Amino acid sequence: MSKATVAQPRVSGRSPAARESRVRARRAAILRAAAAIMVRTGYHEMSMQAVAEAAGMSVGLIYQYFGNKQDVLRAVIVDILEEFRDEVPAAMLSAGDDPYAQLAQGFSRFCRVIDAKRDAVLLAYRESQTLDGAGREEIMRLERETIDPFRAAVQAGIDVGAFRPVPADLVAHNLKLAAHGWALKHWDLAPTRSLEEYVQEQLDLLLAALAL
């Protein structure tokens, strides 16, 4: 899936690998700055000048990457959804064939991505309806792709008799919502438990519902 950009950023005088690394670093800095600002002020109050100042670069440089504010918002949300899509299945694959282990590894990785990008998660809930129709369709598609590995693992566990028969799609959605809860209720959860404790406690609750 291509990112929301309007032009290929120009970074001269470097090797192709170095230019690509510089582009990725600049883009990541823009998205971090924009997410932090939008969480504080909301999308409509955010200015590209404020993003530039927070990212430590010029407004003109930002416009080499993004055409307007909506491009920035879309990229912030798409960025985290694509990270879920790429990293969660890889974590589950590393767990081998045990469906319990697959779900535990996938959920743990999901929560760690969320912990690293809590601002982006909050924005996905708060501002996704601000996007145009194409943007909302992209977000919904990526959301579905995010939980497909959970659904498949639950169904596989049911098929081999490791899990009791339950609606696999609801279990997948519950895993996603529990992971998102770390961002949505971080203010209340973090003072009483670490991320690792939260992950384990949620897994104890969620996986107990699958036990025969």
N, C-alpha and C. Protein backbone atom coordinates (compact mmCIF):
# COMPACT_ATOMS: atom_id res chain seq x y z
N MET A 1 0.86 -1.19 0.00
CA MET A 1 0.00 0.00 0.00
C MET A 1 0.89 1.23 0.00
N SER A 2 0.72 2.13 -0.96
CA SER A 2 1.51 3.34 -1.01
C SER A 2 1.08 4.31 0.06
N LYS A 3 2.03 5.09 0.51
CA LYS A 3 1.73 6.11 1.51
C LYS A 3 1.09 7.32 0.83
N ALA A 4 0.50 8.19 1.66
CA ALA A 4 -0.19 9.36 1.14
C ALA A 4 0.83 10.46 0.88
N THR A 5 1.47 10.47 -0.30
CA THR A 5 2.46 11.48 -0.65
C THR A 5 2.08 12.09 -1.98
N VAL A 6 2.68 13.25 -2.26
CA VAL A 6 2.35 13.93 -3.51
C VAL A 6 3.54 14.04 -4.44
N ALA A 7 4.74 13.78 -3.95
CA ALA A 7 5.92 13.88 -4.79
C ALA A 7 7.02 13.06 -4.16
N GLN A 8 7.99 12.65 -4.99
CA GLN A 8 9.13 11.94 -4.46
C GLN A 8 10.07 12.95 -3.81
N PRO A 9 10.28 12.88 -2.49
CA PRO A 9 11.15 13.85 -1.82
C PRO A 9 12.55 13.83 -2.42
N ARG A 10 13.17 14.99 -2.49
CA ARG A 10 14.50 15.11 -3.07
C ARG A 10 15.54 15.12 -1.95
N VAL A 11 16.43 14.13 -1.97
CA VAL A 11 17.54 14.08 -1.02
C VAL A 11 18.77 13.75 -1.84
N SER A 12 19.60 14.75 -2.13
CA SER A 12 20.70 14.58 -3.07
C SER A 12 22.01 14.34 -2.33
N GLY A 13 23.02 13.93 -3.12
CA GLY A 13 24.36 13.81 -2.57
C GLY A 13 24.59 12.62 -1.67
N ARG A 14 23.74 11.59 -1.75
CA ARG A 14 23.87 10.41 -0.90
C ARG A 14 23.66 9.16 -1.75
N SER A 15 24.09 8.02 -1.22
CA SER A 15 23.83 6.76 -1.88
C SER A 15 22.33 6.48 -1.85
N PRO A 16 21.83 5.62 -2.74
CA PRO A 16 20.39 5.30 -2.71
C PRO A 16 19.93 4.81 -1.35
N ALA A 17 20.71 3.96 -0.69
CA ALA A 17 20.31 3.44 0.63
C ALA A 17 20.26 4.56 1.65
N ALA A 18 21.25 5.46 1.60
CA ALA A 18 21.28 6.57 2.55
C ALA A 18 20.13 7.53 2.29
N ARG A 19 19.80 7.76 1.01
CA ARG A 19 18.67 8.64 0.70
C ARG A 19 17.36 8.05 1.20
N GLU A 20 17.19 6.75 0.99
CA GLU A 20 15.97 6.10 1.45
C GLU A 20 15.85 6.15 2.96
N SER A 21 16.96 5.95 3.64
CA SER A 21 16.95 6.03 5.11
C SER A 21 16.60 7.43 5.58
N ARG A 22 17.14 8.44 4.90
CA ARG A 22 16.85 9.83 5.26
C ARG A 22 15.38 10.15 5.02
N VAL A 23 14.84 9.67 3.91
CA VAL A 23 13.42 9.89 3.61
C VAL A 23 12.55 9.26 4.69
N ARG A 24 12.85 8.02 5.05
CA ARG A 24 12.05 7.33 6.08
C ARG A 24 12.12 8.07 7.41
N ALA A 25 13.32 8.52 7.77
CA ALA A 25 13.48 9.21 9.05
C ALA A 25 12.72 10.53 9.07
N ARG A 26 12.79 11.28 7.98
CA ARG A 26 12.06 12.55 7.91
C ARG A 26 10.55 12.32 7.96
N ARG A 27 10.10 11.33 7.21
CA ARG A 27 8.66 11.05 7.18
C ARG A 27 8.17 10.63 8.56
N ALA A 28 8.95 9.78 9.22
CA ALA A 28 8.57 9.35 10.57
C ALA A 28 8.53 10.52 11.53
N ALA A 29 9.47 11.45 11.41
CA ALA A 29 9.49 12.62 12.28
C ALA A 29 8.25 13.48 12.05
N ILE A 30 7.86 13.63 10.80
CA ILE A 30 6.65 14.41 10.48
C ILE A 30 5.43 13.77 11.10
N LEU A 31 5.30 12.46 10.95
CA LEU A 31 4.12 11.76 11.46
C LEU A 31 4.07 11.80 12.98
N ARG A 32 5.22 11.65 13.65
CA ARG A 32 5.24 11.73 15.11
C ARG A 32 4.81 13.11 15.58
N ALA A 33 5.36 14.13 14.94
CA ALA A 33 5.02 15.51 15.33
C ALA A 33 3.54 15.78 15.09
N ALA A 34 3.03 15.38 13.93
CA ALA A 34 1.63 15.64 13.61
C ALA A 34 0.71 14.91 14.57
N ALA A 35 1.01 13.67 14.88
CA ALA A 35 0.16 12.90 15.80
C ALA A 35 0.11 13.56 17.16
N ALA A 36 1.26 13.98 17.68
CA ALA A 36 1.30 14.61 19.00
C ALA A 36 0.50 15.91 19.01
N ILE A 37 0.61 16.69 17.95
CA ILE A 37 -0.11 17.96 17.88
C ILE A 37 -1.61 17.72 17.76
N MET A 38 -2.02 16.78 16.91
CA MET A 38 -3.44 16.53 16.72
C MET A 38 -4.11 15.98 17.97
N VAL A 39 -3.37 15.18 18.75
CA VAL A 39 -3.93 14.70 20.01
C VAL A 39 -4.22 15.86 20.95
N ARG A 40 -3.34 16.87 20.94
CA ARG A 40 -3.51 18.03 21.83
C ARG A 40 -4.58 18.99 21.33
N THR A 41 -4.57 19.27 20.02
CA THR A 41 -5.39 20.36 19.50
C THR A 41 -6.57 19.91 18.65
N GLY A 42 -6.53 18.65 18.19
CA GLY A 42 -7.50 18.20 17.20
C GLY A 42 -6.99 18.46 15.80
N TYR A 43 -7.55 17.73 14.86
CA TYR A 43 -7.11 17.84 13.47
C TYR A 43 -7.31 19.24 12.90
N HIS A 44 -8.46 19.83 13.14
CA HIS A 44 -8.79 21.09 12.48
C HIS A 44 -7.93 22.25 12.98
N GLU A 45 -7.44 22.16 14.20
CA GLU A 45 -6.61 23.24 14.73
C GLU A 45 -5.14 23.07 14.41
N MET A 46 -4.76 21.91 13.89
CA MET A 46 -3.36 21.68 13.56
C MET A 46 -2.98 22.50 12.32
N SER A 47 -1.81 23.10 12.36
CA SER A 47 -1.28 23.80 11.20
C SER A 47 -0.01 23.10 10.72
N MET A 48 0.25 23.20 9.43
CA MET A 48 1.46 22.61 8.87
C MET A 48 2.70 23.32 9.44
N GLN A 49 2.57 24.60 9.76
CA GLN A 49 3.68 25.31 10.37
C GLN A 49 4.03 24.72 11.72
N ALA A 50 3.01 24.39 12.51
CA ALA A 50 3.25 23.79 13.82
C ALA A 50 3.91 22.43 13.67
N VAL A 51 3.49 21.66 12.68
CA VAL A 51 4.11 20.35 12.44
C VAL A 51 5.57 20.53 12.06
N ALA A 52 5.84 21.50 11.20
CA ALA A 52 7.22 21.75 10.77
C ALA A 52 8.10 22.12 11.96
N GLU A 53 7.60 23.00 12.81
CA GLU A 53 8.39 23.41 13.97
C GLU A 53 8.65 22.24 14.91
N ALA A 54 7.63 21.42 15.14
CA ALA A 54 7.79 20.28 16.04
C ALA A 54 8.72 19.23 15.45
N ALA A 55 8.71 19.09 14.12
CA ALA A 55 9.56 18.09 13.47
C ALA A 55 10.96 18.62 13.19
N GLY A 56 11.19 19.91 13.40
CA GLY A 56 12.50 20.50 13.18
C GLY A 56 12.88 20.63 11.73
N MET A 57 11.91 20.99 10.89
CA MET A 57 12.19 21.17 9.47
C MET A 57 11.29 22.27 8.91
N SER A 58 11.50 22.63 7.66
CA SER A 58 10.72 23.70 7.06
C SER A 58 9.38 23.20 6.58
N VAL A 59 8.42 24.13 6.45
CA VAL A 59 7.13 23.78 5.89
C VAL A 59 7.28 23.29 4.46
N GLY A 60 8.16 23.93 3.71
CA GLY A 60 8.38 23.53 2.33
C GLY A 60 8.83 22.08 2.21
N LEU A 61 9.68 21.65 3.15
CA LEU A 61 10.13 20.26 3.13
C LEU A 61 8.98 19.30 3.41
N ILE A 62 8.10 19.68 4.32
CA ILE A 62 6.96 18.83 4.62
C ILE A 62 6.08 18.66 3.38
N TYR A 63 5.93 19.74 2.59
CA TYR A 63 5.10 19.65 1.40
C TYR A 63 5.75 18.81 0.29
N GLN A 64 7.02 18.44 0.45
CA GLN A 64 7.61 17.47 -0.46
C GLN A 64 7.08 16.06 -0.18
N TYR A 65 6.57 15.87 1.04
CA TYR A 65 6.09 14.55 1.46
C TYR A 65 4.57 14.45 1.45
N PHE A 66 3.89 15.53 1.80
CA PHE A 66 2.44 15.51 1.95
C PHE A 66 1.84 16.75 1.32
N GLY A 67 0.73 16.56 0.62
CA GLY A 67 0.13 17.68 -0.10
C GLY A 67 -0.69 18.60 0.77
N ASN A 68 -1.28 18.06 1.86
CA ASN A 68 -2.13 18.88 2.71
C ASN A 68 -2.32 18.18 4.05
N LYS A 69 -3.11 18.80 4.91
CA LYS A 69 -3.33 18.26 6.26
C LYS A 69 -4.01 16.90 6.22
N GLN A 70 -4.94 16.71 5.29
CA GLN A 70 -5.63 15.43 5.26
C GLN A 70 -4.68 14.30 4.86
N ASP A 71 -3.74 14.59 3.98
CA ASP A 71 -2.72 13.60 3.64
C ASP A 71 -1.94 13.20 4.89
N VAL A 72 -1.62 14.17 5.73
CA VAL A 72 -0.87 13.89 6.95
C VAL A 72 -1.69 13.01 7.89
N LEU A 73 -2.95 13.38 8.12
CA LEU A 73 -3.80 12.59 9.00
C LEU A 73 -3.94 11.17 8.48
N ARG A 74 -4.21 11.04 7.19
CA ARG A 74 -4.35 9.70 6.61
C ARG A 74 -3.08 8.89 6.79
N ALA A 75 -1.94 9.52 6.58
CA ALA A 75 -0.67 8.80 6.70
C ALA A 75 -0.40 8.38 8.14
N VAL A 76 -0.76 9.20 9.11
CA VAL A 76 -0.57 8.84 10.52
C VAL A 76 -1.35 7.57 10.85
N ILE A 77 -2.59 7.51 10.41
CA ILE A 77 -3.44 6.36 10.73
C ILE A 77 -3.01 5.13 9.93
N VAL A 78 -2.75 5.32 8.64
CA VAL A 78 -2.33 4.20 7.80
C VAL A 78 -1.01 3.62 8.29
N ASP A 79 -0.11 4.47 8.73
CA ASP A 79 1.20 4.02 9.18
C ASP A 79 1.08 2.99 10.30
N ILE A 80 0.26 3.27 11.30
CA ILE A 80 0.16 2.32 12.42
C ILE A 80 -0.60 1.07 12.00
N LEU A 81 -1.62 1.21 11.16
CA LEU A 81 -2.36 0.03 10.71
C LEU A 81 -1.47 -0.89 9.87
N GLU A 82 -0.62 -0.31 9.05
CA GLU A 82 0.30 -1.13 8.26
C GLU A 82 1.34 -1.81 9.15
N GLU A 83 1.71 -1.14 10.23
CA GLU A 83 2.64 -1.78 11.17
C GLU A 83 1.98 -2.98 11.84
N PHE A 84 0.72 -2.83 12.25
CA PHE A 84 -0.01 -3.97 12.79
C PHE A 84 -0.04 -5.11 11.76
N ARG A 85 -0.42 -4.78 10.55
CA ARG A 85 -0.58 -5.78 9.49
C ARG A 85 0.71 -6.53 9.22
N ASP A 86 1.84 -5.83 9.31
CA ASP A 86 3.12 -6.46 9.00
C ASP A 86 3.72 -7.20 10.19
N GLU A 87 3.60 -6.64 11.39
CA GLU A 87 4.33 -7.19 12.53
C GLU A 87 3.56 -8.27 13.28
N VAL A 88 2.24 -8.14 13.37
CA VAL A 88 1.47 -9.13 14.14
C VAL A 88 1.56 -10.51 13.50
N PRO A 89 1.34 -10.67 12.19
CA PRO A 89 1.47 -12.01 11.60
C PRO A 89 2.87 -12.59 11.76
N ALA A 90 3.90 -11.74 11.66
CA ALA A 90 5.27 -12.24 11.83
C ALA A 90 5.49 -12.77 13.24
N ALA A 91 4.95 -12.07 14.23
CA ALA A 91 5.07 -12.54 15.60
C ALA A 91 4.33 -13.86 15.79
N MET A 92 3.16 -13.98 15.19
CA MET A 92 2.38 -15.21 15.32
C MET A 92 3.07 -16.38 14.62
N LEU A 93 3.69 -16.12 13.49
CA LEU A 93 4.40 -17.17 12.77
C LEU A 93 5.56 -17.71 13.59
N SER A 94 6.21 -16.82 14.35
CA SER A 94 7.35 -17.24 15.16
C SER A 94 6.94 -18.14 16.31
N ALA A 95 5.64 -18.21 16.61
CA ALA A 95 5.16 -19.01 17.74
C ALA A 95 4.97 -20.48 17.39
N GLY A 96 5.15 -20.85 16.13
CA GLY A 96 4.97 -22.24 15.73
C GLY A 96 3.51 -22.58 15.50
N ASP A 97 3.14 -23.84 15.75
CA ASP A 97 1.81 -24.32 15.40
C ASP A 97 0.79 -24.25 16.53
N ASP A 98 1.22 -23.94 17.73
CA ASP A 98 0.31 -23.91 18.87
C ASP A 98 -0.59 -22.68 18.78
N PRO A 99 -1.92 -22.85 18.64
CA PRO A 99 -2.79 -21.67 18.47
C PRO A 99 -2.80 -20.75 19.68
N TYR A 100 -2.67 -21.32 20.89
CA TYR A 100 -2.58 -20.47 22.07
C TYR A 100 -1.34 -19.58 22.00
N ALA A 101 -0.21 -20.18 21.65
CA ALA A 101 1.03 -19.42 21.55
C ALA A 101 0.96 -18.38 20.44
N GLN A 102 0.30 -18.74 19.34
CA GLN A 102 0.16 -17.78 18.24
C GLN A 102 -0.62 -16.55 18.69
N LEU A 103 -1.75 -16.77 19.36
CA LEU A 103 -2.56 -15.64 19.82
C LEU A 103 -1.82 -14.82 20.86
N ALA A 104 -1.10 -15.50 21.75
CA ALA A 104 -0.36 -14.77 22.79
C ALA A 104 0.73 -13.91 22.18
N GLN A 105 1.48 -14.46 21.23
CA GLN A 105 2.55 -13.70 20.60
C GLN A 105 1.99 -12.55 19.76
N GLY A 106 0.91 -12.82 19.03
CA GLY A 106 0.32 -11.76 18.21
C GLY A 106 -0.25 -10.63 19.05
N PHE A 107 -0.97 -10.99 20.12
CA PHE A 107 -1.54 -9.96 20.98
C PHE A 107 -0.45 -9.15 21.66
N SER A 108 0.60 -9.83 22.12
CA SER A 108 1.70 -9.12 22.76
C SER A 108 2.34 -8.12 21.82
N ARG A 109 2.57 -8.53 20.57
CA ARG A 109 3.20 -7.61 19.61
C ARG A 109 2.25 -6.47 19.28
N PHE A 110 0.97 -6.77 19.15
CA PHE A 110 -0.04 -5.75 18.88
C PHE A 110 0.03 -4.67 19.96
N CYS A 111 0.06 -5.09 21.21
CA CYS A 111 0.09 -4.13 22.33
C CYS A 111 1.37 -3.31 22.34
N ARG A 112 2.47 -3.92 21.95
CA ARG A 112 3.73 -3.18 21.96
C ARG A 112 3.79 -2.12 20.86
N VAL A 113 3.21 -2.44 19.71
CA VAL A 113 3.10 -1.41 18.66
C VAL A 113 2.22 -0.27 19.15
N ILE A 114 1.12 -0.59 19.80
CA ILE A 114 0.22 0.43 20.32
C ILE A 114 0.92 1.29 21.37
N ASP A 115 1.68 0.66 22.24
CA ASP A 115 2.37 1.41 23.28
C ASP A 115 3.34 2.42 22.67
N ALA A 116 3.98 2.03 21.57
CA ALA A 116 4.94 2.92 20.92
C ALA A 116 4.27 4.04 20.14
N LYS A 117 2.99 3.86 19.78
CA LYS A 117 2.30 4.84 18.95
C LYS A 117 0.91 5.13 19.49
N ARG A 118 0.85 5.42 20.79
CA ARG A 118 -0.46 5.66 21.41
C ARG A 118 -1.17 6.85 20.79
N ASP A 119 -0.43 7.90 20.46
CA ASP A 119 -1.06 9.08 19.85
C ASP A 119 -1.77 8.71 18.55
N ALA A 120 -1.13 7.89 17.73
CA ALA A 120 -1.73 7.52 16.46
C ALA A 120 -2.99 6.68 16.66
N VAL A 121 -2.98 5.83 17.68
CA VAL A 121 -4.17 5.03 17.97
C VAL A 121 -5.33 5.93 18.37
N LEU A 122 -5.05 6.88 19.23
CA LEU A 122 -6.09 7.81 19.65
C LEU A 122 -6.66 8.58 18.46
N LEU A 123 -5.77 8.99 17.56
CA LEU A 123 -6.24 9.72 16.38
C LEU A 123 -7.10 8.86 15.48
N ALA A 124 -6.75 7.59 15.36
CA ALA A 124 -7.55 6.71 14.52
C ALA A 124 -8.98 6.64 15.01
N TYR A 125 -9.17 6.67 16.33
CA TYR A 125 -10.52 6.67 16.88
C TYR A 125 -11.18 8.05 16.74
N ARG A 126 -10.42 9.08 16.98
CA ARG A 126 -11.00 10.42 17.08
C ARG A 126 -11.25 11.07 15.74
N GLU A 127 -10.35 10.86 14.78
CA GLU A 127 -10.36 11.68 13.58
C GLU A 127 -10.58 10.91 12.28
N SER A 128 -10.75 9.60 12.32
CA SER A 128 -10.84 8.86 11.06
C SER A 128 -12.03 9.30 10.22
N GLN A 129 -13.12 9.74 10.86
CA GLN A 129 -14.29 10.19 10.09
C GLN A 129 -14.03 11.51 9.36
N THR A 130 -12.92 12.18 9.69
CA THR A 130 -12.55 13.41 8.98
C THR A 130 -12.05 13.10 7.58
N LEU A 131 -11.57 11.89 7.36
CA LEU A 131 -11.02 11.52 6.06
C LEU A 131 -12.11 11.48 4.99
N ASP A 132 -11.68 11.59 3.75
CA ASP A 132 -12.63 11.45 2.64
C ASP A 132 -13.02 9.98 2.48
N GLY A 133 -13.92 9.70 1.55
CA GLY A 133 -14.41 8.34 1.39
C GLY A 133 -13.32 7.34 1.09
N ALA A 134 -12.38 7.70 0.22
CA ALA A 134 -11.29 6.79 -0.12
C ALA A 134 -10.42 6.50 1.10
N GLY A 135 -10.19 7.53 1.90
CA GLY A 135 -9.40 7.35 3.10
C GLY A 135 -10.07 6.43 4.10
N ARG A 136 -11.37 6.61 4.28
CA ARG A 136 -12.10 5.75 5.23
C ARG A 136 -12.13 4.31 4.73
N GLU A 137 -12.29 4.11 3.42
CA GLU A 137 -12.27 2.76 2.88
C GLU A 137 -10.91 2.09 3.12
N GLU A 138 -9.85 2.85 2.95
CA GLU A 138 -8.51 2.29 3.18
C GLU A 138 -8.34 1.89 4.64
N ILE A 139 -8.80 2.74 5.54
CA ILE A 139 -8.69 2.44 6.97
C ILE A 139 -9.47 1.18 7.32
N MET A 140 -10.69 1.07 6.80
CA MET A 140 -11.50 -0.12 7.11
C MET A 140 -10.86 -1.39 6.56
N ARG A 141 -10.28 -1.29 5.37
CA ARG A 141 -9.62 -2.46 4.80
C ARG A 141 -8.44 -2.89 5.66
N LEU A 142 -7.64 -1.93 6.07
CA LEU A 142 -6.47 -2.25 6.89
C LEU A 142 -6.88 -2.76 8.26
N GLU A 143 -7.97 -2.23 8.81
CA GLU A 143 -8.48 -2.74 10.09
C GLU A 143 -8.83 -4.21 9.97
N ARG A 144 -9.50 -4.58 8.88
CA ARG A 144 -9.87 -5.98 8.69
C ARG A 144 -8.63 -6.85 8.53
N GLU A 145 -7.65 -6.36 7.77
CA GLU A 145 -6.42 -7.12 7.58
C GLU A 145 -5.68 -7.30 8.91
N THR A 146 -5.80 -6.33 9.79
CA THR A 146 -5.12 -6.39 11.08
C THR A 146 -5.56 -7.59 11.90
N ILE A 147 -6.86 -7.88 11.89
CA ILE A 147 -7.35 -8.95 12.76
C ILE A 147 -7.54 -10.28 12.04
N ASP A 148 -7.31 -10.32 10.74
CA ASP A 148 -7.43 -11.58 10.01
C ASP A 148 -6.56 -12.69 10.60
N PRO A 149 -5.30 -12.40 10.98
CA PRO A 149 -4.48 -13.49 11.57
C PRO A 149 -5.06 -14.02 12.87
N PHE A 150 -5.64 -13.15 13.70
CA PHE A 150 -6.28 -13.62 14.93
C PHE A 150 -7.46 -14.54 14.60
N ARG A 151 -8.29 -14.11 13.67
CA ARG A 151 -9.46 -14.90 13.29
C ARG A 151 -9.02 -16.27 12.77
N ALA A 152 -8.00 -16.29 11.94
CA ALA A 152 -7.53 -17.55 11.36
C ALA A 152 -6.98 -18.48 12.44
N ALA A 153 -6.24 -17.90 13.41
CA ALA A 153 -5.68 -18.74 14.48
C ALA A 153 -6.76 -19.32 15.36
N VAL A 154 -7.78 -18.53 15.66
CA VAL A 154 -8.88 -19.03 16.48
C VAL A 154 -9.61 -20.15 15.75
N GLN A 155 -9.91 -19.92 14.48
CA GLN A 155 -10.62 -20.94 13.71
C GLN A 155 -9.80 -22.21 13.59
N ALA A 156 -8.49 -22.06 13.38
CA ALA A 156 -7.63 -23.24 13.30
C ALA A 156 -7.65 -24.02 14.61
N GLY A 157 -7.63 -23.28 15.73
CA GLY A 157 -7.70 -23.93 17.04
C GLY A 157 -8.99 -24.68 17.25
N ILE A 158 -10.08 -24.10 16.78
CA ILE A 158 -11.39 -24.79 16.86
C ILE A 158 -11.38 -26.05 16.00
N ASP A 159 -10.82 -25.94 14.80
CA ASP A 159 -10.84 -27.05 13.85
C ASP A 159 -10.06 -28.26 14.37
N VAL A 160 -8.99 -28.02 15.12
CA VAL A 160 -8.17 -29.14 15.62
C VAL A 160 -8.58 -29.57 17.02
N GLY A 161 -9.61 -28.94 17.56
CA GLY A 161 -10.10 -29.32 18.86
C GLY A 161 -9.36 -28.72 20.03
N ALA A 162 -8.52 -27.69 19.78
CA ALA A 162 -7.80 -27.03 20.87
C ALA A 162 -8.67 -25.99 21.57
N PHE A 163 -9.60 -25.39 20.85
CA PHE A 163 -10.51 -24.39 21.40
C PHE A 163 -11.94 -24.90 21.32
N ARG A 164 -12.76 -24.44 22.23
CA ARG A 164 -14.18 -24.75 22.12
C ARG A 164 -14.78 -23.92 20.98
N PRO A 165 -15.89 -24.36 20.41
CA PRO A 165 -16.47 -23.61 19.29
C PRO A 165 -17.01 -22.26 19.74
N VAL A 166 -16.43 -21.23 19.23
CA VAL A 166 -16.81 -19.84 19.55
C VAL A 166 -16.79 -19.06 18.25
N PRO A 167 -17.44 -17.89 18.19
CA PRO A 167 -17.36 -17.06 16.98
C PRO A 167 -15.94 -16.49 16.82
N ALA A 168 -15.20 -17.01 15.86
CA ALA A 168 -13.80 -16.61 15.69
C ALA A 168 -13.66 -15.12 15.40
N ASP A 169 -14.63 -14.56 14.67
CA ASP A 169 -14.53 -13.14 14.34
C ASP A 169 -14.68 -12.27 15.58
N LEU A 170 -15.55 -12.67 16.52
CA LEU A 170 -15.72 -11.88 17.74
C LEU A 170 -14.50 -11.97 18.64
N VAL A 171 -13.89 -13.14 18.70
CA VAL A 171 -12.66 -13.26 19.48
C VAL A 171 -11.58 -12.35 18.90
N ALA A 172 -11.46 -12.35 17.58
CA ALA A 172 -10.46 -11.50 16.93
C ALA A 172 -10.71 -10.02 17.24
N HIS A 173 -11.97 -9.60 17.16
CA HIS A 173 -12.30 -8.21 17.48
C HIS A 173 -12.03 -7.90 18.95
N ASN A 174 -12.31 -8.84 19.85
CA ASN A 174 -12.06 -8.61 21.26
C ASN A 174 -10.57 -8.46 21.55
N LEU A 175 -9.75 -9.25 20.87
CA LEU A 175 -8.30 -9.10 21.03
C LEU A 175 -7.85 -7.71 20.57
N LYS A 176 -8.38 -7.28 19.44
CA LYS A 176 -8.03 -5.95 18.94
C LYS A 176 -8.46 -4.85 19.91
N LEU A 177 -9.69 -4.94 20.39
CA LEU A 177 -10.20 -3.91 21.30
C LEU A 177 -9.44 -3.89 22.62
N ALA A 178 -9.07 -5.08 23.11
CA ALA A 178 -8.29 -5.13 24.35
C ALA A 178 -6.93 -4.48 24.15
N ALA A 179 -6.32 -4.70 23.00
CA ALA A 179 -5.03 -4.07 22.72
C ALA A 179 -5.19 -2.55 22.62
N HIS A 180 -6.21 -2.10 21.93
CA HIS A 180 -6.46 -0.67 21.81
C HIS A 180 -6.73 -0.03 23.17
N GLY A 181 -7.29 -0.81 24.09
CA GLY A 181 -7.57 -0.27 25.41
C GLY A 181 -6.35 0.27 26.11
N TRP A 182 -5.17 -0.27 25.79
CA TRP A 182 -3.95 0.24 26.43
C TRP A 182 -3.71 1.71 26.06
N ALA A 183 -4.10 2.10 24.85
CA ALA A 183 -3.97 3.50 24.45
C ALA A 183 -5.15 4.33 24.93
N LEU A 184 -6.36 3.78 24.75
CA LEU A 184 -7.56 4.56 25.06
C LEU A 184 -7.69 4.85 26.56
N LYS A 185 -7.28 3.90 27.40
CA LYS A 185 -7.39 4.07 28.85
C LYS A 185 -6.04 4.05 29.54
N HIS A 186 -5.02 4.47 28.81
CA HIS A 186 -3.66 4.44 29.37
C HIS A 186 -3.56 5.27 30.64
N TRP A 187 -4.28 6.39 30.68
CA TRP A 187 -4.23 7.28 31.84
C TRP A 187 -4.68 6.55 33.12
N ASP A 188 -5.57 5.60 32.98
CA ASP A 188 -6.10 4.88 34.14
C ASP A 188 -5.37 3.56 34.39
N LEU A 189 -4.91 2.92 33.33
CA LEU A 189 -4.28 1.61 33.46
C LEU A 189 -2.81 1.69 33.86
N ALA A 190 -2.07 2.60 33.25
CA ALA A 190 -0.62 2.64 33.44
C ALA A 190 -0.19 2.88 34.89
N PRO A 191 -0.92 3.67 35.69
CA PRO A 191 -0.46 3.85 37.07
C PRO A 191 -0.51 2.59 37.93
N THR A 192 -1.26 1.58 37.51
CA THR A 192 -1.42 0.40 38.35
C THR A 192 -0.79 -0.86 37.78
N ARG A 193 -0.31 -0.83 36.53
CA ARG A 193 0.29 -2.03 35.93
C ARG A 193 1.21 -1.63 34.79
N SER A 194 2.22 -2.46 34.57
CA SER A 194 3.12 -2.25 33.44
C SER A 194 2.46 -2.79 32.17
N LEU A 195 3.05 -2.48 31.03
CA LEU A 195 2.54 -3.02 29.78
C LEU A 195 2.59 -4.55 29.81
N GLU A 196 3.69 -5.11 30.29
CA GLU A 196 3.81 -6.56 30.35
C GLU A 196 2.71 -7.18 31.22
N GLU A 197 2.41 -6.55 32.34
CA GLU A 197 1.34 -7.05 33.21
C GLU A 197 -0.01 -6.94 32.52
N TYR A 198 -0.23 -5.84 31.82
CA TYR A 198 -1.49 -5.66 31.10
C TYR A 198 -1.66 -6.75 30.05
N VAL A 199 -0.61 -7.01 29.28
CA VAL A 199 -0.67 -8.03 28.25
C VAL A 199 -1.02 -9.38 28.86
N GLN A 200 -0.33 -9.76 29.94
CA GLN A 200 -0.57 -11.06 30.54
C GLN A 200 -1.97 -11.18 31.14
N GLU A 201 -2.41 -10.12 31.81
CA GLU A 201 -3.74 -10.14 32.42
C GLU A 201 -4.83 -10.26 31.36
N GLN A 202 -4.69 -9.52 30.27
CA GLN A 202 -5.68 -9.61 29.20
C GLN A 202 -5.65 -10.99 28.53
N LEU A 203 -4.46 -11.54 28.34
CA LEU A 203 -4.38 -12.87 27.76
C LEU A 203 -5.03 -13.91 28.66
N ASP A 204 -4.82 -13.80 29.96
CA ASP A 204 -5.44 -14.73 30.90
C ASP A 204 -6.97 -14.71 30.75
N LEU A 205 -7.52 -13.50 30.61
CA LEU A 205 -8.96 -13.37 30.48
C LEU A 205 -9.47 -13.84 29.12
N LEU A 206 -8.81 -13.39 28.08
CA LEU A 206 -9.30 -13.65 26.72
C LEU A 206 -9.12 -15.11 26.32
N LEU A 207 -7.97 -15.69 26.65
CA LEU A 207 -7.73 -17.08 26.25
C LEU A 207 -8.48 -18.07 27.10
N ALA A 208 -8.82 -17.66 28.34
CA ALA A 208 -9.64 -18.55 29.19
C ALA A 208 -10.99 -18.82 28.54
N ALA A 209 -11.48 -17.86 27.78
CA ALA A 209 -12.78 -18.03 27.12
C ALA A 209 -12.72 -19.08 26.01
N LEU A 210 -11.52 -19.43 25.56
CA LEU A 210 -11.38 -20.42 24.49
C LEU A 210 -11.18 -21.83 25.01
N ALA A 211 -10.87 -21.95 26.30
CA ALA A 211 -10.51 -23.26 26.85
C ALA A 211 -11.68 -24.23 26.79
N LEU A 212 -11.36 -25.47 26.53
CA LEU A 212 -12.38 -26.52 26.49
C LEU A 212 -12.87 -26.86 27.88
